């Protein structure tokens, strides 16, 4: 008896869905699958951005960098998403893109040389200026003006 009632309910639900869809399609001119989501079209080539004043390079990603152990033996990990601001052109962007691994290595090795306490003592402005000079040392076609961090979190163990 219960199976017959559940089967009847399932059948009525299916009939209701099919009938409702048919009414929506024929009465309102709806097309199945259209208008359900908005597609966001992005450039496939990230180098086709704005160049000249205050262009940005943000293809370094989110980095998880283990910091040096503190004097008390505590471990910490820095989570950082750096991006670089520069006054440049496509050629300079392409140089940065080709040296992406070197830039990542500079950032990673710089931060891993400090403990959490040492980074706090150094301060944000000193860290940024030292990183800028180290990154600019490997670049030939131009210089970065500023480094920004979308994420800057330190996890202590």
N, C-alpha and C. Protein backbone atom coordinates (compact mmCIF):
# COMPACT_ATOMS: atom_id res chain seq x y z
N UNK A 1 0.82 -1.20 0.00
CA UNK A 1 0.00 0.00 0.00
C UNK A 1 0.87 1.27 0.00
N UNK A 2 1.90 1.28 0.89
CA UNK A 2 2.78 2.45 0.99
C UNK A 2 3.54 2.66 -0.31
N UNK A 3 3.97 1.57 -0.94
CA UNK A 3 4.69 1.69 -2.22
C UNK A 3 3.80 2.28 -3.31
N UNK A 4 2.55 1.94 -3.32
CA UNK A 4 1.63 2.49 -4.32
C UNK A 4 1.44 3.98 -4.10
N UNK A 5 1.31 4.40 -2.85
CA UNK A 5 1.14 5.83 -2.55
C UNK A 5 2.39 6.61 -2.93
N UNK A 6 3.56 6.09 -2.58
CA UNK A 6 4.82 6.78 -2.94
C UNK A 6 5.02 6.81 -4.45
N UNK A 7 4.66 5.75 -5.14
CA UNK A 7 4.76 5.72 -6.60
C UNK A 7 3.84 6.75 -7.23
N UNK A 8 2.64 6.87 -6.69
CA UNK A 8 1.69 7.86 -7.20
C UNK A 8 2.20 9.28 -6.97
N UNK A 9 2.77 9.53 -5.80
CA UNK A 9 3.33 10.87 -5.51
C UNK A 9 4.48 11.18 -6.45
N UNK A 10 5.37 10.21 -6.67
CA UNK A 10 6.50 10.42 -7.58
C UNK A 10 6.00 10.69 -8.99
N UNK A 11 4.99 9.95 -9.44
CA UNK A 11 4.42 10.15 -10.77
C UNK A 11 3.82 11.54 -10.89
N UNK A 12 3.10 12.00 -9.88
CA UNK A 12 2.48 13.33 -9.92
C UNK A 12 3.54 14.44 -9.94
N UNK A 13 4.61 14.24 -9.19
CA UNK A 13 5.71 15.24 -9.21
C UNK A 13 6.32 15.32 -10.60
N UNK A 14 6.56 14.20 -11.23
CA UNK A 14 7.16 14.19 -12.58
C UNK A 14 6.21 14.85 -13.58
N UNK A 15 4.92 14.53 -13.49
CA UNK A 15 3.94 15.15 -14.39
C UNK A 15 3.91 16.66 -14.17
N UNK A 16 3.94 17.10 -12.93
CA UNK A 16 3.91 18.53 -12.62
C UNK A 16 5.14 19.24 -13.18
N UNK A 17 6.32 18.66 -13.02
CA UNK A 17 7.55 19.27 -13.53
C UNK A 17 7.53 19.36 -15.05
N UNK A 18 7.14 18.27 -15.70
CA UNK A 18 7.09 18.27 -17.17
C UNK A 18 6.05 19.27 -17.68
N UNK A 19 4.89 19.30 -17.05
CA UNK A 19 3.83 20.23 -17.49
C UNK A 19 4.26 21.67 -17.25
N UNK A 20 4.86 21.93 -16.10
CA UNK A 20 5.32 23.30 -15.81
C UNK A 20 6.39 23.75 -16.78
N UNK A 21 7.30 22.86 -17.12
CA UNK A 21 8.35 23.20 -18.08
C UNK A 21 7.76 23.46 -19.46
N UNK A 22 6.81 22.63 -19.87
CA UNK A 22 6.18 22.81 -21.18
C UNK A 22 5.44 24.13 -21.25
N UNK A 23 4.72 24.48 -20.19
CA UNK A 23 4.01 25.76 -20.16
C UNK A 23 4.99 26.91 -20.24
N UNK A 24 6.10 26.83 -19.49
CA UNK A 24 7.09 27.91 -19.49
C UNK A 24 7.73 28.08 -20.86
N UNK A 25 8.00 26.97 -21.52
CA UNK A 25 8.65 27.04 -22.83
C UNK A 25 7.71 27.62 -23.88
N UNK A 26 6.48 27.14 -23.92
CA UNK A 26 5.56 27.55 -25.00
C UNK A 26 4.89 28.89 -24.73
N UNK A 27 4.60 29.23 -23.51
CA UNK A 27 3.90 30.48 -23.22
C UNK A 27 4.83 31.68 -23.17
N UNK A 28 5.98 31.51 -22.55
CA UNK A 28 6.85 32.66 -22.32
C UNK A 28 8.03 32.71 -23.27
N UNK A 29 8.13 31.80 -24.14
CA UNK A 29 9.22 31.80 -25.10
C UNK A 29 10.55 31.45 -24.47
N UNK A 30 10.55 30.72 -23.38
CA UNK A 30 11.79 30.35 -22.70
C UNK A 30 12.52 29.27 -23.48
N UNK A 31 13.83 29.29 -23.38
CA UNK A 31 14.65 28.26 -23.99
C UNK A 31 15.34 27.51 -22.87
N UNK A 32 15.24 26.20 -22.83
CA UNK A 32 15.87 25.44 -21.75
C UNK A 32 17.36 25.71 -21.66
N UNK A 33 17.82 26.02 -20.47
CA UNK A 33 19.25 26.24 -20.23
C UNK A 33 19.72 27.65 -20.46
N UNK A 34 18.91 28.50 -21.07
CA UNK A 34 19.33 29.88 -21.30
C UNK A 34 18.94 30.76 -20.14
N UNK A 35 19.82 31.70 -19.82
CA UNK A 35 19.51 32.67 -18.79
C UNK A 35 19.70 32.15 -17.38
N UNK A 36 20.25 30.97 -17.25
CA UNK A 36 20.45 30.41 -15.92
C UNK A 36 21.72 30.91 -15.26
N UNK A 37 22.69 31.28 -16.05
CA UNK A 37 23.93 31.79 -15.50
C UNK A 37 24.49 32.86 -16.40
N UNK A 38 25.26 33.74 -15.82
CA UNK A 38 25.91 34.78 -16.59
C UNK A 38 27.35 34.36 -16.80
N UNK A 39 27.75 34.26 -18.04
CA UNK A 39 29.12 33.88 -18.34
C UNK A 39 30.02 35.10 -18.29
N UNK A 40 31.15 34.93 -17.61
CA UNK A 40 32.12 36.01 -17.51
C UNK A 40 33.26 35.70 -18.45
N UNK A 41 33.43 36.52 -19.45
CA UNK A 41 34.46 36.30 -20.44
C UNK A 41 35.71 37.05 -19.99
N UNK A 42 36.79 36.29 -19.83
CA UNK A 42 38.06 36.88 -19.42
C UNK A 42 39.07 36.73 -20.55
N UNK A 43 40.03 37.62 -20.54
CA UNK A 43 41.11 37.51 -21.51
C UNK A 43 41.90 36.24 -21.25
N UNK A 44 42.24 35.52 -22.30
CA UNK A 44 43.03 34.31 -22.14
C UNK A 44 44.49 34.64 -21.94
N UNK A 45 44.94 35.76 -22.47
CA UNK A 45 46.33 36.16 -22.34
C UNK A 45 46.43 37.27 -21.30
N UNK A 46 47.01 37.00 -20.13
CA UNK A 46 47.06 38.02 -19.08
C UNK A 46 47.95 39.20 -19.43
N UNK A 47 48.82 39.07 -20.44
CA UNK A 47 49.68 40.18 -20.80
C UNK A 47 48.93 41.26 -21.57
N UNK A 48 47.67 40.99 -21.97
CA UNK A 48 46.88 42.00 -22.67
C UNK A 48 46.13 42.86 -21.68
N UNK A 49 46.83 43.40 -20.72
CA UNK A 49 46.23 44.27 -19.72
C UNK A 49 46.59 45.70 -20.02
N UNK A 50 46.48 46.54 -19.01
CA UNK A 50 46.88 47.92 -19.24
C UNK A 50 48.38 48.03 -19.02
N UNK A 51 49.02 48.75 -19.87
CA UNK A 51 50.45 48.96 -19.77
C UNK A 51 50.70 50.45 -19.68
N UNK A 52 51.84 50.79 -19.16
CA UNK A 52 52.18 52.19 -18.97
C UNK A 52 52.15 52.50 -17.50
N UNK A 53 51.41 53.52 -17.12
CA UNK A 53 51.40 53.95 -15.73
C UNK A 53 50.67 52.94 -14.84
N UNK A 54 51.33 52.54 -13.79
CA UNK A 54 50.78 51.68 -12.75
C UNK A 54 50.19 50.37 -13.27
N UNK A 55 50.95 49.66 -14.09
CA UNK A 55 50.54 48.32 -14.50
C UNK A 55 50.88 47.37 -13.36
N UNK A 56 50.28 46.19 -13.38
CA UNK A 56 50.52 45.27 -12.28
C UNK A 56 50.79 43.86 -12.78
N UNK A 57 51.62 43.16 -12.03
CA UNK A 57 51.93 41.76 -12.32
C UNK A 57 51.50 40.97 -11.09
N UNK A 58 50.49 40.12 -11.26
CA UNK A 58 49.96 39.39 -10.11
C UNK A 58 49.87 37.89 -10.36
N UNK A 59 50.79 37.35 -11.09
CA UNK A 59 50.75 35.93 -11.41
C UNK A 59 51.66 35.09 -10.50
N UNK A 60 52.00 35.62 -9.33
CA UNK A 60 52.86 34.88 -8.42
C UNK A 60 52.07 33.87 -7.59
N UNK A 61 50.79 34.15 -7.39
CA UNK A 61 49.93 33.21 -6.67
C UNK A 61 50.04 33.31 -5.17
N UNK A 62 49.39 32.38 -4.49
CA UNK A 62 49.42 32.33 -3.03
C UNK A 62 50.56 31.43 -2.60
N UNK A 63 51.46 31.97 -1.79
CA UNK A 63 52.64 31.23 -1.36
C UNK A 63 52.51 30.85 0.11
N UNK A 64 52.90 29.63 0.44
CA UNK A 64 52.97 29.15 1.82
C UNK A 64 54.46 28.96 2.12
N UNK A 65 55.03 29.87 2.91
CA UNK A 65 56.46 29.89 3.13
C UNK A 65 56.76 29.54 4.59
N UNK A 66 57.48 28.44 4.83
CA UNK A 66 57.88 28.14 6.22
C UNK A 66 58.95 29.13 6.68
N UNK A 67 58.73 29.74 7.83
CA UNK A 67 59.67 30.71 8.37
C UNK A 67 60.72 29.98 9.22
N UNK A 68 61.80 30.70 9.51
CA UNK A 68 62.86 30.17 10.36
C UNK A 68 62.30 29.96 11.77
N UNK A 69 62.77 28.92 12.45
CA UNK A 69 62.32 28.67 13.82
C UNK A 69 62.75 29.82 14.72
N UNK A 70 61.90 30.15 15.66
CA UNK A 70 62.22 31.21 16.61
C UNK A 70 63.25 30.70 17.63
N UNK A 71 63.76 31.59 18.45
CA UNK A 71 64.75 31.19 19.46
C UNK A 71 64.13 30.23 20.47
N UNK A 72 62.81 30.29 20.63
CA UNK A 72 62.11 29.36 21.53
C UNK A 72 61.80 28.03 20.84
N UNK A 73 62.12 27.90 19.58
CA UNK A 73 61.88 26.67 18.83
C UNK A 73 60.51 26.59 18.19
N UNK A 74 59.76 27.71 18.17
CA UNK A 74 58.43 27.70 17.56
C UNK A 74 58.55 27.81 16.04
N UNK A 75 57.68 27.05 15.36
CA UNK A 75 57.62 27.11 13.90
C UNK A 75 56.48 28.03 13.49
N UNK A 76 56.63 28.62 12.31
CA UNK A 76 55.57 29.48 11.77
C UNK A 76 55.59 29.38 10.24
N UNK A 77 54.43 29.62 9.64
CA UNK A 77 54.30 29.62 8.18
C UNK A 77 53.64 30.92 7.75
N UNK A 78 54.22 31.55 6.74
CA UNK A 78 53.67 32.78 6.18
C UNK A 78 52.85 32.42 4.95
N UNK A 79 51.64 32.95 4.90
CA UNK A 79 50.78 32.81 3.72
C UNK A 79 50.71 34.19 3.09
N UNK A 80 51.21 34.33 1.87
CA UNK A 80 51.30 35.64 1.24
C UNK A 80 50.97 35.53 -0.24
N UNK A 81 50.28 36.55 -0.77
CA UNK A 81 49.97 36.64 -2.20
C UNK A 81 50.51 37.97 -2.71
N UNK A 82 51.76 37.99 -3.17
CA UNK A 82 52.34 39.25 -3.63
C UNK A 82 51.95 39.59 -5.06
N UNK A 83 51.85 40.89 -5.32
CA UNK A 83 51.73 41.36 -6.70
C UNK A 83 52.55 42.64 -6.83
N UNK A 84 53.05 42.85 -8.02
CA UNK A 84 54.03 43.90 -8.28
C UNK A 84 53.44 45.00 -9.14
N UNK A 85 53.71 46.23 -8.75
CA UNK A 85 53.27 47.39 -9.52
C UNK A 85 54.49 47.97 -10.22
N UNK A 86 54.30 48.34 -11.48
CA UNK A 86 55.42 48.86 -12.27
C UNK A 86 54.93 49.83 -13.32
N UNK A 87 55.82 50.67 -13.79
CA UNK A 87 55.56 51.52 -14.94
C UNK A 87 56.32 50.88 -16.09
N UNK A 88 55.61 50.12 -16.86
CA UNK A 88 56.32 49.39 -17.90
C UNK A 88 55.46 49.14 -19.11
N UNK A 89 55.99 48.34 -19.96
CA UNK A 89 55.32 48.01 -21.20
C UNK A 89 55.23 46.49 -21.33
N UNK A 90 54.78 46.03 -22.45
CA UNK A 90 54.60 44.60 -22.67
C UNK A 90 55.92 43.84 -22.56
N UNK A 91 57.00 44.40 -23.04
CA UNK A 91 58.29 43.71 -22.98
C UNK A 91 58.73 43.49 -21.54
N UNK A 92 58.52 44.49 -20.68
CA UNK A 92 58.88 44.34 -19.27
C UNK A 92 57.99 43.30 -18.60
N UNK A 93 56.71 43.32 -18.94
CA UNK A 93 55.79 42.30 -18.42
C UNK A 93 56.26 40.91 -18.82
N UNK A 94 56.63 40.75 -20.08
CA UNK A 94 57.08 39.45 -20.56
C UNK A 94 58.37 39.02 -19.88
N UNK A 95 59.25 39.98 -19.56
CA UNK A 95 60.47 39.64 -18.81
C UNK A 95 60.09 39.13 -17.42
N UNK A 96 59.17 39.83 -16.75
CA UNK A 96 58.75 39.37 -15.42
C UNK A 96 58.09 37.99 -15.52
N UNK A 97 57.30 37.78 -16.56
CA UNK A 97 56.64 36.50 -16.72
C UNK A 97 57.66 35.39 -16.96
N UNK A 98 58.68 35.67 -17.74
CA UNK A 98 59.70 34.65 -18.00
C UNK A 98 60.57 34.40 -16.77
N UNK A 99 60.66 35.39 -15.88
CA UNK A 99 61.46 35.24 -14.65
C UNK A 99 60.58 34.99 -13.43
N UNK A 100 59.38 34.49 -13.68
CA UNK A 100 58.43 34.23 -12.59
C UNK A 100 59.04 33.32 -11.52
N UNK A 101 59.69 32.25 -11.95
CA UNK A 101 60.28 31.30 -10.99
C UNK A 101 61.38 31.97 -10.17
N UNK A 102 62.17 32.84 -10.80
CA UNK A 102 63.24 33.54 -10.07
C UNK A 102 62.63 34.52 -9.06
N UNK A 103 61.58 35.21 -9.46
CA UNK A 103 60.93 36.16 -8.54
C UNK A 103 60.34 35.40 -7.36
N UNK A 104 59.69 34.27 -7.63
CA UNK A 104 59.16 33.45 -6.55
C UNK A 104 60.26 32.98 -5.62
N UNK A 105 61.40 32.61 -6.18
CA UNK A 105 62.53 32.17 -5.37
C UNK A 105 63.06 33.30 -4.48
N UNK A 106 63.13 34.51 -5.04
CA UNK A 106 63.58 35.66 -4.25
C UNK A 106 62.64 35.90 -3.07
N UNK A 107 61.33 35.89 -3.34
CA UNK A 107 60.35 36.13 -2.28
C UNK A 107 60.40 35.03 -1.22
N UNK A 108 60.45 33.79 -1.67
CA UNK A 108 60.47 32.65 -0.75
C UNK A 108 61.73 32.64 0.11
N UNK A 109 62.88 32.81 -0.52
CA UNK A 109 64.14 32.77 0.24
C UNK A 109 64.26 33.97 1.18
N UNK A 110 63.70 35.12 0.78
CA UNK A 110 63.75 36.29 1.65
C UNK A 110 62.97 36.04 2.94
N UNK A 111 61.72 35.61 2.80
CA UNK A 111 60.88 35.42 3.99
C UNK A 111 61.35 34.24 4.84
N UNK A 112 61.84 33.19 4.22
CA UNK A 112 62.24 32.01 4.99
C UNK A 112 63.50 32.27 5.83
N UNK A 113 64.19 33.36 5.59
CA UNK A 113 65.38 33.70 6.37
C UNK A 113 65.04 34.34 7.71
N UNK A 114 63.75 34.66 7.94
CA UNK A 114 63.35 35.34 9.16
C UNK A 114 62.40 34.48 9.98
N UNK A 115 62.45 34.70 11.28
CA UNK A 115 61.42 34.11 12.15
C UNK A 115 60.26 35.10 12.24
N UNK A 116 59.18 34.66 12.83
CA UNK A 116 58.01 35.53 12.98
C UNK A 116 58.37 36.79 13.78
N UNK A 117 59.11 36.60 14.84
CA UNK A 117 59.49 37.74 15.70
C UNK A 117 60.39 38.72 14.94
N UNK A 118 61.33 38.20 14.17
CA UNK A 118 62.23 39.06 13.39
C UNK A 118 61.46 39.85 12.33
N UNK A 119 60.45 39.23 11.74
CA UNK A 119 59.64 39.94 10.74
C UNK A 119 58.85 41.07 11.40
N UNK A 120 58.32 40.82 12.59
CA UNK A 120 57.59 41.87 13.30
C UNK A 120 58.51 43.04 13.62
N UNK A 121 59.73 42.75 14.05
CA UNK A 121 60.68 43.81 14.39
C UNK A 121 61.09 44.61 13.16
N UNK A 122 61.23 43.92 12.02
CA UNK A 122 61.67 44.60 10.80
C UNK A 122 60.62 45.58 10.29
N UNK A 123 59.36 45.21 10.32
CA UNK A 123 58.30 46.11 9.88
C UNK A 123 57.98 45.97 8.40
N UNK A 124 56.76 46.34 8.06
CA UNK A 124 56.25 46.16 6.69
C UNK A 124 57.02 46.99 5.67
N UNK A 125 57.29 48.25 5.97
CA UNK A 125 57.96 49.11 4.99
C UNK A 125 59.38 48.63 4.68
N UNK A 126 60.11 48.19 5.70
CA UNK A 126 61.46 47.70 5.46
C UNK A 126 61.43 46.41 4.64
N UNK A 127 60.48 45.54 4.95
CA UNK A 127 60.34 44.28 4.20
C UNK A 127 60.04 44.58 2.73
N UNK A 128 59.11 45.49 2.50
CA UNK A 128 58.75 45.82 1.11
C UNK A 128 59.93 46.43 0.36
N UNK A 129 60.63 47.36 0.96
CA UNK A 129 61.74 48.01 0.25
C UNK A 129 62.88 47.03 -0.03
N UNK A 130 63.17 46.13 0.91
CA UNK A 130 64.21 45.13 0.66
C UNK A 130 63.79 44.15 -0.44
N UNK A 131 62.54 43.74 -0.44
CA UNK A 131 62.06 42.84 -1.49
C UNK A 131 62.10 43.51 -2.85
N UNK A 132 61.69 44.77 -2.91
CA UNK A 132 61.72 45.50 -4.18
C UNK A 132 63.14 45.56 -4.73
N UNK A 133 64.12 45.87 -3.88
CA UNK A 133 65.49 45.95 -4.37
C UNK A 133 66.02 44.59 -4.81
N UNK A 134 65.65 43.52 -4.10
CA UNK A 134 66.11 42.19 -4.50
C UNK A 134 65.47 41.74 -5.81
N UNK A 135 64.19 42.04 -6.00
CA UNK A 135 63.52 41.66 -7.25
C UNK A 135 64.06 42.51 -8.41
N UNK A 136 64.25 43.81 -8.18
CA UNK A 136 64.77 44.68 -9.24
C UNK A 136 66.18 44.28 -9.66
N UNK A 137 66.93 43.63 -8.77
CA UNK A 137 68.29 43.20 -9.10
C UNK A 137 68.31 42.13 -10.19
N UNK A 138 67.22 41.37 -10.33
CA UNK A 138 67.21 40.32 -11.37
C UNK A 138 66.51 40.78 -12.64
N UNK A 139 65.90 41.95 -12.62
CA UNK A 139 65.18 42.46 -13.80
C UNK A 139 66.07 43.39 -14.60
N UNK A 140 65.95 43.35 -15.93
CA UNK A 140 66.81 44.13 -16.81
C UNK A 140 66.05 45.26 -17.50
N UNK A 141 64.86 45.00 -17.99
CA UNK A 141 64.14 45.95 -18.85
C UNK A 141 63.39 47.03 -18.08
N UNK A 142 63.33 46.95 -16.78
CA UNK A 142 62.62 47.95 -15.99
C UNK A 142 62.70 47.61 -14.52
N UNK A 143 61.97 48.36 -13.73
CA UNK A 143 61.95 48.15 -12.29
C UNK A 143 60.53 48.14 -11.78
N UNK A 144 60.32 47.40 -10.71
CA UNK A 144 59.02 47.47 -10.05
C UNK A 144 59.05 48.64 -9.08
N UNK A 145 57.90 49.29 -8.93
CA UNK A 145 57.81 50.45 -8.05
C UNK A 145 57.32 50.10 -6.66
N UNK A 146 56.46 49.09 -6.59
CA UNK A 146 55.81 48.77 -5.33
C UNK A 146 55.48 47.29 -5.30
N UNK A 147 55.45 46.74 -4.12
CA UNK A 147 54.98 45.37 -3.93
C UNK A 147 53.82 45.42 -2.95
N UNK A 148 52.77 44.69 -3.28
CA UNK A 148 51.57 44.65 -2.44
C UNK A 148 51.30 43.21 -2.07
N UNK A 149 50.60 43.02 -0.96
CA UNK A 149 50.24 41.68 -0.52
C UNK A 149 48.73 41.60 -0.34
N UNK A 150 48.07 40.76 -1.16
CA UNK A 150 46.63 40.54 -0.96
C UNK A 150 46.39 39.76 0.31
N UNK A 151 47.18 38.73 0.53
CA UNK A 151 47.12 37.95 1.77
C UNK A 151 48.44 38.15 2.49
N UNK A 152 48.35 38.22 3.80
CA UNK A 152 49.58 38.30 4.60
C UNK A 152 49.20 37.78 5.98
N UNK A 153 49.30 36.45 6.12
CA UNK A 153 48.92 35.81 7.37
C UNK A 153 50.07 34.95 7.85
N UNK A 154 50.22 34.88 9.17
CA UNK A 154 51.26 34.03 9.75
C UNK A 154 50.58 33.03 10.67
N UNK A 155 50.84 31.76 10.41
CA UNK A 155 50.31 30.69 11.24
C UNK A 155 51.43 30.17 12.14
N UNK A 156 51.21 30.22 13.43
CA UNK A 156 52.20 29.73 14.36
C UNK A 156 51.79 28.36 14.87
N UNK A 157 52.77 27.50 15.10
CA UNK A 157 52.48 26.18 15.67
C UNK A 157 52.64 26.22 17.17
